[in-house]
N, C-alpha and C. Protein backbone atom coordinates (compact mmCIF):
# COMPACT_ATOMS: atom_id res chain seq x y z
N MET A 1 0.78 -1.12 0.01
CA MET A 1 0.00 0.01 0.00
C MET A 1 0.81 1.23 -0.06
N LEU A 2 0.59 2.18 -0.82
CA LEU A 2 1.36 3.47 -0.99
C LEU A 2 0.78 4.55 -0.06
N ASP A 3 1.68 5.11 0.56
CA ASP A 3 1.33 6.23 1.42
C ASP A 3 2.03 7.50 0.85
N TYR A 4 1.38 8.62 0.99
CA TYR A 4 1.89 9.88 0.38
C TYR A 4 1.92 11.03 1.41
N SER A 5 2.86 11.86 1.32
CA SER A 5 2.80 13.10 2.16
C SER A 5 2.55 14.16 1.18
N TYR A 6 1.87 15.21 1.58
CA TYR A 6 1.46 16.39 0.74
C TYR A 6 2.08 17.60 1.17
N MET A 7 2.19 18.57 0.33
CA MET A 7 2.63 19.84 0.62
C MET A 7 1.83 20.82 -0.27
N ASP A 8 1.20 21.81 0.32
CA ASP A 8 0.26 22.80 -0.33
C ASP A 8 1.08 24.13 -0.57
N ILE A 9 1.13 24.63 -1.69
CA ILE A 9 1.76 25.94 -2.05
C ILE A 9 0.82 26.89 -2.65
N PHE A 10 0.78 28.02 -2.17
CA PHE A 10 -0.03 29.18 -2.78
C PHE A 10 0.80 29.93 -3.66
N ILE A 11 0.42 30.19 -4.81
CA ILE A 11 1.02 30.94 -5.83
C ILE A 11 0.27 32.24 -6.12
N PRO A 12 0.71 33.37 -5.73
CA PRO A 12 -0.10 34.56 -5.93
C PRO A 12 -0.13 34.98 -7.39
N ARG A 13 -1.04 35.79 -7.80
CA ARG A 13 -1.37 36.04 -9.13
C ARG A 13 -0.20 36.96 -9.89
N ASP A 14 0.52 37.73 -8.99
CA ASP A 14 1.51 38.49 -9.54
C ASP A 14 2.82 37.72 -9.77
N LEU A 15 3.00 36.47 -9.35
CA LEU A 15 4.11 35.69 -9.65
C LEU A 15 4.09 35.30 -11.30
N THR A 16 5.13 35.50 -11.96
CA THR A 16 5.21 35.21 -13.32
C THR A 16 5.06 33.70 -13.60
N ARG A 17 4.62 33.31 -14.64
CA ARG A 17 4.56 31.91 -15.07
C ARG A 17 5.95 31.26 -14.99
N GLU A 18 6.93 31.91 -15.44
CA GLU A 18 8.30 31.34 -15.53
C GLU A 18 8.74 31.11 -14.02
N ALA A 19 8.53 31.98 -13.15
CA ALA A 19 8.87 31.86 -11.69
C ALA A 19 8.10 30.73 -11.07
N ALA A 20 6.92 30.69 -11.45
CA ALA A 20 6.13 29.51 -10.83
C ALA A 20 6.58 28.27 -11.32
N ARG A 21 7.00 28.10 -12.54
CA ARG A 21 7.49 26.83 -13.24
C ARG A 21 8.73 26.58 -12.58
N GLN A 22 9.65 27.49 -12.35
CA GLN A 22 10.94 27.29 -11.76
C GLN A 22 10.83 26.71 -10.25
N LEU A 23 9.87 27.37 -9.55
CA LEU A 23 9.54 26.89 -8.26
C LEU A 23 9.10 25.53 -8.02
N LEU A 24 8.15 25.03 -8.94
CA LEU A 24 7.67 23.73 -8.94
C LEU A 24 8.67 22.73 -9.53
N THR A 25 9.56 23.15 -10.43
CA THR A 25 10.57 22.34 -10.99
C THR A 25 11.72 22.05 -10.00
N GLU A 26 12.02 23.01 -9.14
CA GLU A 26 13.07 22.67 -8.07
C GLU A 26 12.46 21.82 -7.02
N HIS A 27 11.11 21.96 -6.57
CA HIS A 27 10.52 20.99 -5.69
C HIS A 27 10.46 19.58 -6.28
N ALA A 28 10.31 19.44 -7.55
CA ALA A 28 10.21 18.12 -8.18
C ALA A 28 11.57 17.55 -8.29
N GLU A 29 12.62 18.27 -8.64
CA GLU A 29 14.04 17.80 -8.81
C GLU A 29 14.65 17.49 -7.49
N TYR A 30 14.65 18.35 -6.60
CA TYR A 30 15.40 18.23 -5.38
C TYR A 30 14.58 17.53 -4.24
N GLY A 31 13.35 17.70 -4.16
CA GLY A 31 12.52 17.17 -3.11
C GLY A 31 11.73 15.89 -3.48
N GLN A 32 11.90 15.48 -4.80
CA GLN A 32 11.08 14.40 -5.33
C GLN A 32 9.63 14.57 -5.10
N TRP A 33 9.00 15.74 -5.32
CA TRP A 33 7.76 15.97 -5.28
C TRP A 33 7.11 15.75 -6.61
N GLU A 34 5.90 15.45 -6.78
CA GLU A 34 5.09 15.40 -8.02
C GLU A 34 3.77 16.13 -7.86
N LEU A 35 3.32 16.69 -8.95
CA LEU A 35 2.14 17.41 -9.01
C LEU A 35 0.88 16.60 -8.81
N ALA A 36 0.12 16.89 -7.81
CA ALA A 36 -1.06 16.21 -7.47
C ALA A 36 -2.37 16.91 -7.97
N ARG A 37 -2.30 18.29 -7.84
CA ARG A 37 -3.51 19.11 -8.15
C ARG A 37 -3.12 20.52 -8.21
N VAL A 38 -3.83 21.17 -9.23
CA VAL A 38 -3.73 22.74 -9.33
C VAL A 38 -5.12 23.26 -9.35
N ARG A 39 -5.36 24.22 -8.56
CA ARG A 39 -6.70 24.95 -8.51
C ARG A 39 -6.27 26.40 -8.92
N LEU A 40 -7.03 26.85 -9.95
CA LEU A 40 -6.87 28.14 -10.40
C LEU A 40 -8.05 29.10 -9.89
N HIS A 41 -7.77 30.08 -8.96
CA HIS A 41 -8.90 30.84 -8.48
C HIS A 41 -9.22 32.08 -9.44
N PRO A 42 -10.48 32.53 -9.26
CA PRO A 42 -10.96 33.56 -10.16
C PRO A 42 -10.08 34.85 -10.12
N ASP A 43 -9.30 35.13 -9.08
CA ASP A 43 -8.50 36.30 -9.07
C ASP A 43 -7.10 36.08 -9.73
N GLY A 44 -6.84 34.86 -10.22
CA GLY A 44 -5.59 34.51 -11.01
C GLY A 44 -4.58 33.84 -10.10
N SER A 45 -4.82 33.64 -8.76
CA SER A 45 -3.77 32.90 -7.91
C SER A 45 -4.16 31.46 -8.15
N ARG A 46 -3.08 30.68 -7.73
CA ARG A 46 -3.10 29.24 -7.89
C ARG A 46 -2.85 28.53 -6.55
N HIS A 47 -3.60 27.43 -6.34
CA HIS A 47 -3.36 26.71 -5.11
C HIS A 47 -2.76 25.30 -5.71
N VAL A 48 -1.57 24.98 -5.38
CA VAL A 48 -0.89 23.72 -5.94
C VAL A 48 -0.73 22.83 -4.77
N ARG A 49 -1.03 21.44 -5.11
CA ARG A 49 -0.81 20.39 -4.09
C ARG A 49 0.22 19.50 -4.72
N LEU A 50 1.34 19.26 -3.89
CA LEU A 50 2.41 18.30 -4.43
C LEU A 50 2.40 17.14 -3.46
N ARG A 51 2.80 16.01 -4.00
CA ARG A 51 2.77 14.75 -3.20
C ARG A 51 4.12 14.02 -3.49
N ARG A 52 4.47 13.23 -2.54
CA ARG A 52 5.64 12.25 -2.78
C ARG A 52 5.49 11.01 -1.89
N LYS A 53 6.03 9.89 -2.39
CA LYS A 53 5.67 8.60 -1.66
C LYS A 53 6.48 8.57 -0.33
N VAL A 54 5.85 8.09 0.73
CA VAL A 54 6.62 7.91 1.99
C VAL A 54 6.96 6.50 1.93
N MET A 55 8.38 6.39 2.10
CA MET A 55 9.03 5.09 2.11
C MET A 55 8.99 4.59 3.61
N ARG A 56 8.34 3.38 3.76
CA ARG A 56 8.42 2.67 5.03
C ARG A 56 9.55 1.67 5.11
N VAL A 57 10.37 1.92 5.96
CA VAL A 57 11.68 0.93 6.06
C VAL A 57 11.43 0.02 7.16
N ARG A 58 11.59 -1.29 6.97
CA ARG A 58 11.48 -2.22 7.97
C ARG A 58 12.95 -2.60 8.51
N SER A 59 12.82 -2.97 9.83
CA SER A 59 14.25 -3.26 10.33
C SER A 59 14.55 -4.64 9.97
N THR A 60 15.89 -4.91 9.71
CA THR A 60 16.40 -6.17 9.30
C THR A 60 16.94 -6.93 10.52
N LEU A 61 16.93 -6.29 11.71
CA LEU A 61 17.37 -6.82 12.87
C LEU A 61 16.41 -7.90 13.45
N THR A 62 16.85 -8.97 13.87
CA THR A 62 15.88 -9.96 14.60
C THR A 62 16.30 -10.13 16.05
N THR A 63 15.42 -10.26 16.87
CA THR A 63 15.68 -10.38 18.29
C THR A 63 15.46 -11.80 18.77
């Protein structure tokens, strides 16, 4: 079963498209985030939700 962690980002309407692209690209490349949802509001601002898989590590030690 896959578990995800989420991060919400609010992008104001005065941020350029290139700056928003660069911001999301950096999160994807360095933080391993992927785009889950984008909501465009009537005023031009955006609400972006990113997600990434949560790795569950099991101990290999036996008692």
